[in-house]
């Protein structure tokens, strides 16, 4: 279950500009998240699964703030792209 702490932390990661899309392929999206350490997140489009290299995700198998931030960031980008299309 996602906690309020994780959501708040994910929002902070985006607000502070500590997330980037570093790869956009046919089957995967890659993100780099800079918190106290650099973390790598990827989304497998074929399996509809998210993965992160942080200890919380790899040990517990639960959504971490890095994955949540990546999801929020992707949604934000999609919203901006929709707005741009509507303005045409």
Protein backbone atom coordinates (compact mmCIF):
# COMPACT_ATOMS: atom_id res chain seq x y z
CA UNK A 1 0.00 0.00 0.00
CA UNK A 2 1.27 3.44 -0.90
CA UNK A 3 1.77 5.78 2.04
CA UNK A 4 1.21 9.51 2.26
CA UNK A 5 4.93 9.85 2.95
CA UNK A 6 5.81 8.15 -0.35
CA UNK A 7 3.39 10.34 -2.30
CA UNK A 8 4.72 13.52 -0.66
CA UNK A 9 8.29 12.44 -1.32
CA UNK A 10 7.47 11.63 -4.96
CA UNK A 11 5.86 15.05 -5.43
CA UNK A 12 8.99 16.66 -3.93
CA UNK A 13 11.23 14.77 -6.35
CA UNK A 14 9.29 16.23 -9.28
CA UNK A 15 9.00 19.72 -7.81
CA UNK A 16 12.74 19.87 -7.18
CA UNK A 17 13.52 18.67 -10.71
CA UNK A 18 15.26 15.48 -9.58
CA UNK A 19 13.80 13.22 -12.25
CA UNK A 20 14.57 12.80 -15.93
CA UNK A 21 13.46 10.48 -18.69
CA UNK A 22 16.74 9.02 -19.90
CA UNK A 23 15.43 6.56 -22.47
CA UNK A 24 12.27 6.17 -24.48
CA UNK A 25 12.12 2.99 -26.48
CA UNK A 26 9.48 0.87 -28.08
CA UNK A 27 9.28 -1.51 -25.12
CA UNK A 28 10.73 0.41 -22.18
CA UNK A 29 10.84 3.85 -20.62
CA UNK A 30 13.89 4.68 -18.48
CA UNK A 31 14.02 7.29 -15.73
CA UNK A 32 16.85 8.58 -13.57
CA UNK A 33 15.80 9.78 -10.12
CA UNK A 34 18.21 11.80 -8.00
CA UNK A 35 17.50 11.64 -4.29
CA UNK A 36 20.23 10.97 -1.73
CA UNK A 37 21.49 8.44 -4.32
CA UNK A 38 20.94 8.05 -8.04
CA UNK A 39 18.23 5.50 -8.79
CA UNK A 40 17.19 3.95 -12.05
CA UNK A 41 13.55 3.22 -12.78
CA UNK A 42 12.14 1.60 -15.85
CA UNK A 43 8.69 0.78 -17.12
CA UNK A 44 8.27 -2.37 -19.18
CA UNK A 45 5.49 -1.54 -21.63
CA UNK A 46 5.01 -5.14 -22.74
CA UNK A 47 4.50 -6.48 -19.21
CA UNK A 48 2.97 -3.27 -17.82
CA UNK A 49 5.41 -3.42 -14.89
CA UNK A 50 7.56 -0.89 -13.09
CA UNK A 51 11.01 -1.63 -11.63
CA UNK A 52 13.48 0.33 -9.49
CA UNK A 53 16.99 -0.47 -8.33
CA UNK A 54 16.46 0.89 -4.79
CA UNK A 55 16.59 -1.41 -1.77
CA UNK A 56 12.96 -0.79 -0.83
CA UNK A 57 11.68 -2.07 -4.15
CA UNK A 58 14.21 -4.86 -4.70
CA UNK A 59 13.91 -6.31 -1.19
CA UNK A 60 10.23 -5.73 -0.41
CA UNK A 61 8.83 -5.71 -3.93
CA UNK A 62 6.59 -2.76 -3.13
CA UNK A 63 6.15 0.54 -4.94
CA UNK A 64 8.78 3.05 -3.88
CA UNK A 65 8.75 6.84 -4.07
CA UNK A 66 11.00 6.65 -7.15
CA UNK A 67 8.45 4.64 -9.12
CA UNK A 68 5.60 6.84 -7.88
CA UNK A 69 7.54 9.96 -8.95
CA UNK A 70 8.16 8.40 -12.37
CA UNK A 71 4.45 7.65 -12.80
CA UNK A 72 3.49 11.19 -11.77
CA UNK A 73 6.14 12.66 -14.08
CA UNK A 74 4.97 10.59 -17.04
CA UNK A 75 1.37 11.63 -16.40
CA UNK A 76 2.44 15.28 -16.21
CA UNK A 77 4.24 15.00 -19.56
CA UNK A 78 1.21 13.31 -21.16
CA UNK A 79 -1.04 16.11 -19.90
CA UNK A 80 1.24 18.79 -21.36
CA UNK A 81 1.37 16.95 -24.69
CA UNK A 82 -2.42 16.75 -24.78
CA UNK A 83 -2.67 20.48 -24.12
CA UNK A 84 -0.24 21.21 -26.93
CA UNK A 85 -2.28 19.04 -29.33
CA UNK A 86 -5.49 20.85 -28.33
CA UNK A 87 -3.91 24.23 -29.09
CA UNK A 88 -3.15 23.25 -32.70
